[in-house]
PDB file of N, CA and C in Angstrom:
ATOM      1  N   UNK A   1      67.258-179.058 -51.314  1.00  0.00           N
ATOM      2  CA  UNK A   1      67.281-179.353 -52.764  1.00  0.00           C
ATOM      3  C   UNK A   1      66.639-178.233 -53.385  1.00  0.00           C
ATOM      4  N   UNK A   2      67.201-177.981 -54.834  1.00  0.00           N
ATOM      5  CA  UNK A   2      66.547-177.127 -55.707  1.00  0.00           C
ATOM      6  C   UNK A   2      66.334-177.105 -56.800  1.00  0.00           C
ATOM      7  N   UNK A   3      65.283-177.098 -57.690  1.00  0.00           N
ATOM      8  CA  UNK A   3      64.879-178.212 -58.671  1.00  0.00           C
ATOM      9  C   UNK A   3      65.497-176.725 -59.744  1.00  0.00           C
ATOM     10  N   UNK A   4      66.076-177.313 -61.060  1.00  0.00           N
ATOM     11  CA  UNK A   4      66.588-176.805 -62.154  1.00  0.00           C
ATOM     12  C   UNK A   4      65.702-177.489 -62.921  1.00  0.00           C
ATOM     13  N   UNK A   5      65.217-176.673 -63.982  1.00  0.00           N
ATOM     14  CA  UNK A   5      64.325-177.092 -65.137  1.00  0.00           C
ATOM     15  C   UNK A   5      64.987-176.461 -66.292  1.00  0.00           C
ATOM     16  N   UNK A   6      65.465-177.557 -67.191  1.00  0.00           N
ATOM     17  CA  UNK A   6      66.018-177.197 -69.102  1.00  0.00           C
ATOM     18  C   UNK A   6      64.843-177.476 -69.642  1.00  0.00           C
ATOM     19  N   UNK A   7      64.832-176.305 -70.310  1.00  0.00           N
ATOM     20  CA  UNK A   7      63.573-176.491 -71.495  1.00  0.00           C
ATOM     21  C   UNK A   7      64.261-176.984 -72.457  1.00  0.00           C
ATOM     22  N   UNK A   8      63.641-177.975 -73.484  1.00  0.00           N
ATOM     23  CA  UNK A   8      64.444-177.981 -75.102  1.00  0.00           C
ATOM     24  C   UNK A   8      63.022-177.874 -76.188  1.00  0.00           C
ATOM     25  N   UNK A   9      63.477-178.119 -77.265  1.00  0.00           N
ATOM     26  CA  UNK A   9      62.250-178.505 -78.207  1.00  0.00           C
ATOM     27  C   UNK A   9      61.418-179.600 -78.062  1.00  0.00           C
ATOM     28  N   UNK A  10      62.116-180.930 -77.867  1.00  0.00           N
ATOM     29  CA  UNK A  10      61.660-182.132 -77.446  1.00  0.00           C
ATOM     30  C   UNK A  10      62.046-182.528 -76.262  1.00  0.00           C
ATOM     31  N   UNK A  11      62.739-181.819 -75.663  1.00  0.00           N
ATOM     32  CA  UNK A  11      63.443-182.585 -74.145  1.00  0.00           C
ATOM     33  C   UNK A  11      64.569-183.807 -74.133  1.00  0.00           C
ATOM     34  N   UNK A  12      65.165-184.180 -75.208  1.00  0.00           N
ATOM     35  CA  UNK A  12      66.243-185.335 -75.201  1.00  0.00           C
ATOM     36  C   UNK A  12      67.205-184.283 -75.737  1.00  0.00           C
ATOM     37  N   UNK A  13      67.999-182.986 -76.369  1.00  0.00           N
ATOM     38  CA  UNK A  13      69.043-182.430 -76.972  1.00  0.00           C
ATOM     39  C   UNK A  13      69.567-182.000 -75.367  1.00  0.00           C
ATOM     40  N   UNK A  14      69.280-181.829 -74.545  1.00  0.00           N
ATOM     41  CA  UNK A  14      69.918-181.469 -73.479  1.00  0.00           C
ATOM     42  C   UNK A  14      70.157-182.347 -72.443  1.00  0.00           C
ATOM     43  N   UNK A  15      70.203-184.114 -72.456  1.00  0.00           N
ATOM     44  CA  UNK A  15      70.218-185.090 -72.037  1.00  0.00           C
ATOM     45  C   UNK A  15      71.798-184.898 -71.218  1.00  0.00           C
ATOM     46  N   UNK A  16      72.768-184.614 -72.447  1.00  0.00           N
ATOM     47  CA  UNK A  16      73.836-184.643 -72.040  1.00  0.00           C
ATOM     48  C   UNK A  16      74.324-183.667 -71.347  1.00  0.00           C
ATOM     49  N   UNK A  17      73.898-182.518 -71.474  1.00  0.00           N
ATOM     50  CA  UNK A  17      74.397-181.165 -69.994  1.00  0.00           C
ATOM     51  C   UNK A  17      73.702-181.511 -68.826  1.00  0.00           C
ATOM     52  N   UNK A  18      72.317-181.622 -69.001  1.00  0.00           N
ATOM     53  CA  UNK A  18      72.068-182.625 -67.806  1.00  0.00           C
ATOM     54  C   UNK A  18      72.838-183.246 -66.982  1.00  0.00           C
ATOM     55  N   UNK A  19      73.612-184.667 -67.662  1.00  0.00           N
ATOM     56  CA  UNK A  19      74.686-185.318 -67.140  1.00  0.00           C
ATOM     57  C   UNK A  19      75.986-184.828 -66.481  1.00  0.00           C
ATOM     58  N   UNK A  20      76.378-183.660 -67.261  1.00  0.00           N
ATOM     59  CA  UNK A  20      77.300-182.870 -66.930  1.00  0.00           C
ATOM     60  C   UNK A  20      77.236-182.113 -66.119  1.00  0.00           C
ATOM     61  N   UNK A  21      76.175-180.909 -65.978  1.00  0.00           N
ATOM     62  CA  UNK A  21      75.396-180.884 -64.922  1.00  0.00           C
ATOM     63  C   UNK A  21      75.513-181.176 -63.346  1.00  0.00           C
ATOM     64  N   UNK A  22      74.885-182.511 -63.354  1.00  0.00           N
ATOM     65  CA  UNK A  22      74.628-183.310 -62.638  1.00  0.00           C
ATOM     66  C   UNK A  22      76.008-184.103 -61.794  1.00  0.00           C
ATOM     67  N   UNK A  23      76.941-184.133 -62.878  1.00  0.00           N
ATOM     68  CA  UNK A  23      78.216-184.756 -62.564  1.00  0.00           C
ATOM     69  C   UNK A  23      79.148-183.456 -61.510  1.00  0.00           C
ATOM     70  N   UNK A  24      78.458-181.898 -62.056  1.00  0.00           N
ATOM     71  CA  UNK A  24      79.178-180.851 -61.382  1.00  0.00           C
ATOM     72  C   UNK A  24      78.688-180.998 -60.243  1.00  0.00           C
ATOM     73  N   UNK A  25      77.458-180.858 -60.361  1.00  0.00           N
ATOM     74  CA  UNK A  25      77.068-180.351 -58.760  1.00  0.00           C
ATOM     75  C   UNK A  25      76.983-181.952 -57.673  1.00  0.00           C
ATOM     76  N   UNK A  26      77.425-182.641 -58.071  1.00  0.00           N
ATOM     77  CA  UNK A  26      77.954-183.905 -57.319  1.00  0.00           C
ATOM     78  C   UNK A  26      79.426-183.818 -56.474  1.00  0.00           C
ATOM     79  N   UNK A  27      79.746-183.299 -57.628  1.00  0.00           N
ATOM     80  CA  UNK A  27      81.842-182.728 -57.178  1.00  0.00           C
ATOM     81  C   UNK A  27      81.941-181.873 -55.763  1.00  0.00           C
ATOM     82  N   UNK A  28      80.630-180.666 -56.368  1.00  0.00           N
ATOM     83  CA  UNK A  28      80.710-179.478 -55.380  1.00  0.00           C
ATOM     84  C   UNK A  28      80.003-179.488 -54.457  1.00  0.00           C
ATOM     85  N   UNK A  29      78.985-180.817 -54.350  1.00  0.00           N
ATOM     86  CA  UNK A  29      77.664-181.676 -53.067  1.00  0.00           C
ATOM     87  C   UNK A  29      76.795-180.372 -53.144  1.00  0.00           C
ATOM     88  N   UNK A  30      76.602-180.021 -54.432  1.00  0.00           N
ATOM     89  CA  UNK A  30      74.956-179.245 -54.670  1.00  0.00           C
ATOM     90  C   UNK A  30      74.059-180.301 -54.383  1.00  0.00           C
ATOM     91  N   UNK A  31      72.996-180.126 -53.854  1.00  0.00           N
ATOM     92  CA  UNK A  31      71.438-180.217 -54.077  1.00  0.00           C
ATOM     93  C   UNK A  31      70.592-180.309 -54.786  1.00  0.00           C
ATOM     94  N   UNK A  32      70.681-180.133 -56.191  1.00  0.00           N
ATOM     95  CA  UNK A  32      70.278-179.905 -57.149  1.00  0.00           C
ATOM     96  C   UNK A  32      69.592-181.341 -57.984  1.00  0.00           C
ATOM     97  N   UNK A  33      68.243-180.872 -58.220  1.00  0.00           N
ATOM     98  CA  UNK A  33      67.715-181.791 -59.230  1.00  0.00           C
ATOM     99  C   UNK A  33      67.488-181.237 -60.169  1.00  0.00           C
ATOM    100  N   UNK A  34      68.404-181.454 -61.167  1.00  0.00           N
ATOM    101  CA  UNK A  34      68.615-181.634 -62.744  1.00  0.00           C
ATOM    102  C   UNK A  34      67.659-182.112 -63.727  1.00  0.00           C
ATOM    103  N   UNK A  35      66.476-181.789 -63.747  1.00  0.00           N
ATOM    104  CA  UNK A  35      65.482-181.934 -65.110  1.00  0.00           C
ATOM    105  C   UNK A  35      65.792-181.544 -66.115  1.00  0.00           C
ATOM    106  N   UNK A  36      65.590-181.966 -67.459  1.00  0.00           N
ATOM    107  CA  UNK A  36      64.837-181.764 -69.263  1.00  0.00           C
ATOM    108  C   UNK A  36      63.585-181.965 -69.136  1.00  0.00           C
ATOM    109  N   UNK A  37      63.224-181.218 -70.240  1.00  0.00           N
ATOM    110  CA  UNK A  37      61.482-181.465 -70.970  1.00  0.00           C
ATOM    111  C   UNK A  37      61.612-180.701 -71.883  1.00  0.00           C
ATOM    112  N   UNK A  38      60.899-181.072 -72.819  1.00  0.00           N
ATOM    113  CA  UNK A  38      60.355-180.189 -74.084  1.00  0.00           C
ATOM    114  C   UNK A  38      59.844-179.489 -73.515  1.00  0.00           C
ATOM    115  N   UNK A  39      59.507-178.211 -74.298  1.00  0.00           N
ATOM    116  CA  UNK A  39      58.809-176.914 -74.034  1.00  0.00           C
ATOM    117  C   UNK A  39      57.138-177.306 -73.806  1.00  0.00           C
ATOM    118  N   UNK A  40      56.418-178.166 -74.496  1.00  0.00           N
ATOM    119  CA  UNK A  40      54.750-178.662 -74.064  1.00  0.00           C
ATOM    120  C   UNK A  40      54.614-179.523 -73.277  1.00  0.00           C
ATOM    121  N   UNK A  41      56.053-180.236 -72.901  1.00  0.00           N
ATOM    122  CA  UNK A  41      55.778-180.866 -71.265  1.00  0.00           C
ATOM    123  C   UNK A  41      56.057-179.957 -70.269  1.00  0.00           C
ATOM    124  N   UNK A  42      57.272-178.831 -70.557  1.00  0.00           N
ATOM    125  CA  UNK A  42      57.102-178.075 -69.347  1.00  0.00           C
ATOM    126  C   UNK A  42      56.764-176.918 -69.105  1.00  0.00           C
ATOM    127  N   UNK A  43      55.577-176.168 -69.744  1.00  0.00           N
ATOM    128  CA  UNK A  43      54.703-175.610 -69.494  1.00  0.00           C
ATOM    129  C   UNK A  43      53.680-175.603 -68.518  1.00  0.00           C
ATOM    130  N   UNK A  44      53.187-177.094 -68.096  1.00  0.00           N
ATOM    131  CA  UNK A  44      52.533-176.812 -67.282  1.00  0.00           C
ATOM    132  C   UNK A  44      53.009-176.872 -65.584  1.00  0.00           C
ATOM    133  N   UNK A  45      54.637-177.264 -65.940  1.00  0.00           N
ATOM    134  CA  UNK A  45      54.984-177.960 -64.727  1.00  0.00           C
ATOM    135  C   UNK A  45      55.933-176.739 -64.390  1.00  0.00           C
ATOM    136  N   UNK A  46      55.633-175.391 -64.958  1.00  0.00           N
ATOM    137  CA  UNK A  46      57.089-174.673 -64.270  1.00  0.00           C
ATOM    138  C   UNK A  46      56.766-173.904 -62.974  1.00  0.00           C
ATOM    139  N   UNK A  47      55.909-174.187 -61.872  1.00  0.00           N
ATOM    140  CA  UNK A  47      56.046-173.804 -61.016  1.00  0.00           C
ATOM    141  C   UNK A  47      56.640-174.661 -59.600  1.00  0.00           C
ATOM    142  N   UNK A  48      56.481-175.639 -60.746  1.00  0.00           N
ATOM    143  CA  UNK A  48      57.403-176.967 -59.390  1.00  0.00           C
ATOM    144  C   UNK A  48      59.192-176.517 -59.402  1.00  0.00           C
ATOM    145  N   UNK A  49      59.751-176.019 -59.968  1.00  0.00           N
ATOM    146  CA  UNK A  49      60.800-175.568 -60.271  1.00  0.00           C
ATOM    147  C   UNK A  49      61.536-174.323 -60.046  1.00  0.00           C
ATOM    148  N   UNK A  50      62.452-174.237 -59.032  1.00  0.00           N
ATOM    149  CA  UNK A  50      62.986-172.921 -58.295  1.00  0.00           C
ATOM    150  C   UNK A  50      63.992-171.969 -59.540  1.00  0.00           C
ATOM    151  N   UNK A  51      64.526-172.863 -60.661  1.00  0.00           N
ATOM    152  CA  UNK A  51      65.167-171.588 -61.939  1.00  0.00           C
ATOM    153  C   UNK A  51      64.778-172.599 -62.939  1.00  0.00           C
ATOM    154  N   UNK A  52      64.862-172.330 -64.545  1.00  0.00           N
ATOM    155  CA  UNK A  52      64.180-172.210 -65.365  1.00  0.00           C
ATOM    156  C   UNK A  52      65.559-171.969 -66.375  1.00  0.00           C
ATOM    157  N   UNK A  53      65.820-172.715 -67.210  1.00  0.00           N
ATOM    158  CA  UNK A  53      67.080-172.563 -67.456  1.00  0.00           C
ATOM    159  C   UNK A  53      66.249-172.563 -69.429  1.00  0.00           C
ATOM    160  N   UNK A  54      66.700-172.176 -70.767  1.00  0.00           N
ATOM    161  CA  UNK A  54      66.217-172.642 -71.488  1.00  0.00           C
ATOM    162  C   UNK A  54      66.985-172.656 -72.934  1.00  0.00           C
ATOM    163  N   UNK A  55      66.339-173.976 -73.381  1.00  0.00           N
ATOM    164  CA  UNK A  55      67.700-174.184 -74.525  1.00  0.00           C
ATOM    165  C   UNK A  55      67.685-172.873 -75.990  1.00  0.00           C
ATOM    166  N   UNK A  56      69.239-172.628 -76.346  1.00  0.00           N
ATOM    167  CA  UNK A  56      68.678-171.455 -77.152  1.00  0.00           C
ATOM    168  C   UNK A  56      68.672-171.723 -78.653  1.00  0.00           C
ATOM    169  N   UNK A  57      67.815-173.417 -78.982  1.00  0.00           N
ATOM    170  CA  UNK A  57      66.711-173.525 -80.132  1.00  0.00           C
ATOM    171  C   UNK A  57      65.452-173.086 -79.384  1.00  0.00           C
ATOM    172  N   UNK A  58      64.847-172.883 -78.338  1.00  0.00           N
ATOM    173  CA  UNK A  58      63.901-172.567 -78.508  1.00  0.00           C
ATOM    174  C   UNK A  58      63.838-170.565 -77.363  1.00  0.00           C
ATOM    175  N   UNK A  59      64.651-170.053 -78.124  1.00  0.00           N
ATOM    176  CA  UNK A  59      64.676-168.401 -77.669  1.00  0.00           C
ATOM    177  C   UNK A  59      63.823-167.557 -77.305  1.00  0.00           C
ATOM    178  N   UNK A  60      63.072-168.336 -79.211  1.00  0.00           N
ATOM    179  CA  UNK A  60      61.760-167.963 -79.535  1.00  0.00           C
ATOM    180  C   UNK A  60      60.760-167.442 -78.059  1.00  0.00           C
ATOM    181  N   UNK A  61      60.642-168.953 -77.299  1.00  0.00           N
ATOM    182  CA  UNK A  61      59.699-169.036 -76.160  1.00  0.00           C
ATOM    183  C   UNK A  61      59.829-168.008 -74.995  1.00  0.00           C
ATOM    184  N   UNK A  62      61.567-167.735 -74.637  1.00  0.00           N
ATOM    185  CA  UNK A  62      61.659-167.481 -73.926  1.00  0.00           C
ATOM    186  C   UNK A  62      60.868-165.742 -72.821  1.00  0.00           C
ATOM    187  N   UNK A  63      60.231-164.797 -73.913  1.00  0.00           N
ATOM    188  CA  UNK A  63      59.615-164.128 -73.091  1.00  0.00           C
ATOM    189  C   UNK A  63      57.979-164.927 -72.474  1.00  0.00           C
ATOM    190  N   UNK A  64      57.974-165.989 -73.401  1.00  0.00           N
ATOM    191  CA  UNK A  64      56.244-166.753 -73.180  1.00  0.00           C
ATOM    192  C   UNK A  64      56.367-167.357 -72.030  1.00  0.00           C
ATOM    193  N   UNK A  65      57.888-168.064 -71.879  1.00  0.00           N
ATOM    194  CA  UNK A  65      58.272-168.491 -70.585  1.00  0.00           C
ATOM    195  C   UNK A  65      57.946-167.952 -69.168  1.00  0.00           C
ATOM    196  N   UNK A  66      59.014-166.938 -69.244  1.00  0.00           N
ATOM    197  CA  UNK A  66      58.837-165.950 -68.382  1.00  0.00           C
ATOM    198  C   UNK A  66      57.714-165.246 -67.530  1.00  0.00           C
ATOM    199  N   UNK A  67      56.827-164.999 -68.921  1.00  0.00           N
ATOM    200  CA  UNK A  67      55.663-164.906 -67.931  1.00  0.00           C
ATOM    201  C   UNK A  67      54.908-165.963 -67.545  1.00  0.00           C
ATOM    202  N   UNK A  68      54.922-166.935 -68.126  1.00  0.00           N
ATOM    203  CA  UNK A  68      54.371-168.284 -67.066  1.00  0.00           C
ATOM    204  C   UNK A  68      54.689-168.496 -65.952  1.00  0.00           C
ATOM    205  N   UNK A  69      56.515-168.286 -65.999  1.00  0.00           N
ATOM    206  CA  UNK A  69      56.752-168.509 -65.082  1.00  0.00           C
ATOM    207  C   UNK A  69      56.670-167.494 -63.437  1.00  0.00           C
ATOM    208  N   UNK A  70      55.813-167.061 -63.237  1.00  0.00           N
ATOM    209  CA  UNK A  70      55.737-166.109 -62.493  1.00  0.00           C
ATOM    210  C   UNK A  70      56.722-166.112 -61.263  1.00  0.00           C
ATOM    211  N   UNK A  71      57.862-165.059 -60.717  1.00  0.00           N
ATOM    212  CA  UNK A  71      58.443-165.311 -59.622  1.00  0.00           C
ATOM    213  C   UNK A  71      59.386-166.087 -59.492  1.00  0.00           C
ATOM    214  N   UNK A  72      59.460-166.892 -60.689  1.00  0.00           N
ATOM    215  CA  UNK A  72      61.028-167.996 -60.969  1.00  0.00           C
ATOM    216  C   UNK A  72      61.954-166.987 -61.737  1.00  0.00           C
ATOM    217  N   UNK A  73      62.944-166.556 -61.774  1.00  0.00           N
ATOM    218  CA  UNK A  73      64.460-166.772 -62.523  1.00  0.00           C
ATOM    219  C   UNK A  73      63.790-167.853 -64.235  1.00  0.00           C
ATOM    220  N   UNK A  74      64.030-166.915 -64.836  1.00  0.00           N
ATOM    221  CA  UNK A  74      64.426-167.828 -66.603  1.00  0.00           C
ATOM    222  C   UNK A  74      65.318-167.485 -67.378  1.00  0.00           C
ATOM    223  N   UNK A  75      66.225-167.806 -67.715  1.00  0.00           N
ATOM    224  CA  UNK A  75      67.189-167.335 -68.081  1.00  0.00           C
ATOM    225  C   UNK A  75      67.350-168.243 -69.671  1.00  0.00           C
ATOM    226  N   UNK A  76      68.034-167.377 -70.532  1.00  0.00           N
ATOM    227  CA  UNK A  76      68.215-168.277 -71.801  1.00  0.00           C
ATOM    228  C   UNK A  76      69.969-168.689 -71.723  1.00  0.00           C
ATOM    229  N   UNK A  77      70.263-170.427 -71.763  1.00  0.00           N
ATOM    230  CA  UNK A  77      71.423-170.834 -71.723  1.00  0.00           C
ATOM    231  C   UNK A  77      71.908-170.386 -72.896  1.00  0.00           C
ATOM    232  N   UNK A  78      73.558-170.038 -72.654  1.00  0.00           N
ATOM    233  CA  UNK A  78      74.314-169.171 -73.880  1.00  0.00           C
ATOM    234  C   UNK A  78      74.645-170.756 -74.395  1.00  0.00           C
ATOM    235  N   UNK A  79      74.994-169.836 -76.200  1.00  0.00           N
ATOM    236  CA  UNK A  79      74.943-171.214 -77.013  1.00  0.00           C
ATOM    237  C   UNK A  79      75.980-171.785 -76.845  1.00  0.00           C
ATOM    238  N   UNK A  80      77.206-171.967 -76.353  1.00  0.00           N
ATOM    239  CA  UNK A  80      78.148-172.314 -75.993  1.00  0.00           C
ATOM    240  C   UNK A  80      78.241-172.972 -75.044  1.00  0.00           C
ATOM    241  N   UNK A  81      77.825-172.968 -74.207  1.00  0.00           N
ATOM    242  CA  UNK A  81      77.246-173.583 -72.977  1.00  0.00           C
ATOM    243  C   UNK A  81      76.782-174.835 -73.553  1.00  0.00           C
ATOM    244  N   UNK A  82      75.775-174.711 -73.619  1.00  0.00           N
ATOM    245  CA  UNK A  82      74.992-175.478 -74.521  1.00  0.00           C
ATOM    246  C   UNK A  82      75.009-176.649 -75.254  1.00  0.00           C
ATOM    247  N   UNK A  83      75.548-175.553 -76.512  1.00  0.00           N
ATOM    248  CA  UNK A  83      76.555-176.606 -77.482  1.00  0.00           C
ATOM    249  C   UNK A  83      77.793-177.523 -77.293  1.00  0.00           C
ATOM    250  N   UNK A  84      78.665-177.375 -76.526  1.00  0.00           N
ATOM    251  CA  UNK A  84      79.690-177.997 -75.582  1.00  0.00           C
ATOM    252  C   UNK A  84      79.254-178.808 -74.458  1.00  0.00           C
ATOM    253  N   UNK A  85      77.810-178.718 -73.597  1.00  0.00           N
ATOM    254  CA  UNK A  85      77.965-179.521 -72.490  1.00  0.00           C
ATOM    255  C   UNK A  85      78.395-178.898 -71.310  1.00  0.00           C
ATOM    256  N   UNK A  86      78.717-177.640 -71.212  1.00  0.00           N
ATOM    257  CA  UNK A  86      79.665-177.422 -70.412  1.00  0.00           C
ATOM    258  C   UNK A  86      79.051-177.356 -69.153  1.00  0.00           C
ATOM    259  N   UNK A  87      78.953-178.619 -68.410  1.00  0.00           N
ATOM    260  CA  UNK A  87      78.189-178.358 -67.012  1.00  0.00           C
ATOM    261  C   UNK A  87      78.690-177.208 -65.958  1.00  0.00           C
ATOM    262  N   UNK A  88      79.621-177.282 -65.665  1.00  0.00           N
ATOM    263  CA  UNK A  88      80.200-176.641 -64.686  1.00  0.00           C
ATOM    264  C   UNK A  88      79.467-174.895 -64.857  1.00  0.00           C
ATOM    265  N   UNK A  89      79.421-174.657 -66.161  1.00  0.00           N
ATOM    266  CA  UNK A  89      79.121-173.215 -66.880  1.00  0.00           C
ATOM    267  C   UNK A  89      77.745-173.059 -66.884  1.00  0.00           C
ATOM    268  N   UNK A  90      77.251-174.300 -66.714  1.00  0.00           N
ATOM    269  CA  UNK A  90      75.593-174.199 -66.438  1.00  0.00           C
ATOM    270  C   UNK A  90      75.604-174.015 -65.359  1.00  0.00           C
ATOM    271  N   UNK A  91      75.889-174.789 -64.428  1.00  0.00           N
ATOM    272  CA  UNK A  91      75.311-174.996 -63.275  1.00  0.00           C
ATOM    273  C   UNK A  91      76.079-173.536 -62.035  1.00  0.00           C
ATOM    274  N   UNK A  92      77.260-173.445 -62.520  1.00  0.00           N
ATOM    275  CA  UNK A  92      77.443-171.757 -62.118  1.00  0.00           C
ATOM    276  C   UNK A  92      76.102-170.690 -62.559  1.00  0.00           C
ATOM    277  N   UNK A  93      76.141-171.054 -63.947  1.00  0.00           N
ATOM    278  CA  UNK A  93      74.689-169.373 -64.226  1.00  0.00           C
ATOM    279  C   UNK A  93      73.484-170.367 -63.365  1.00  0.00           C
ATOM    280  N   UNK A  94      73.083-171.151 -62.990  1.00  0.00           N
ATOM    281  CA  UNK A  94      72.003-171.695 -62.562  1.00  0.00           C
ATOM    282  C   UNK A  94      72.386-171.077 -60.775  1.00  0.00           C
ATOM    283  N   UNK A  95      73.324-170.935 -60.384  1.00  0.00           N
ATOM    284  CA  UNK A  95      73.383-170.916 -58.733  1.00  0.00           C
ATOM    285  C   UNK A  95      73.593-168.936 -58.947  1.00  0.00           C
ATOM    286  N   UNK A  96      73.909-168.193 -59.886  1.00  0.00           N
ATOM    287  CA  UNK A  96      73.145-166.775 -60.222  1.00  0.00           C
ATOM    288  C   UNK A  96      72.071-166.519 -59.982  1.00  0.00           C
ATOM    289  N   UNK A  97      71.338-167.952 -61.103  1.00  0.00           N
ATOM    290  CA  UNK A  97      70.055-167.667 -60.866  1.00  0.00           C
ATOM    291  C   UNK A  97      69.443-167.683 -59.504  1.00  0.00           C
ATOM    292  N   UNK A  98      69.585-168.214 -58.898  1.00  0.00           N
ATOM    293  CA  UNK A  98      69.557-168.810 -57.669  1.00  0.00           C
ATOM    294  C   UNK A  98      69.349-167.859 -56.389  1.00  0.00           C
ATOM    295  N   UNK A  99      70.579-167.349 -56.856  1.00  0.00           N
ATOM    296  CA  UNK A  99      71.102-166.132 -56.089  1.00  0.00           C
ATOM    297  C   UNK A  99      72.099-166.648 -54.843  1.00  0.00           C
ATOM    298  N   UNK A 100      72.573-167.813 -55.276  1.00  0.00           N
ATOM    299  CA  UNK A 100      73.228-168.932 -54.384  1.00  0.00           C
ATOM    300  C   UNK A 100      75.046-168.247 -54.373  1.00  0.00           C
TER     301      UNK A 100
END
């Protein structure tokens, strides 16, 4: 099972995207654990995840998180995917990040 972390400012604004991602992963029979956390809560746990996706509202933290998540793929979620909660597109981004 692959673990995907979505990081946003407080951990709540990504809940709809997480739900849509989980629905799509279930349909496609992908074994993903998808979790959303606020940046403060996420930082100490970065090593526990296989891929880290950053919400556009905290794009300022992208470089810092990349440095902290040594060896883990870290990418910004495009605004259109995030704002419209496009779960399928977010899963496709995660699959590319994981090399799957």
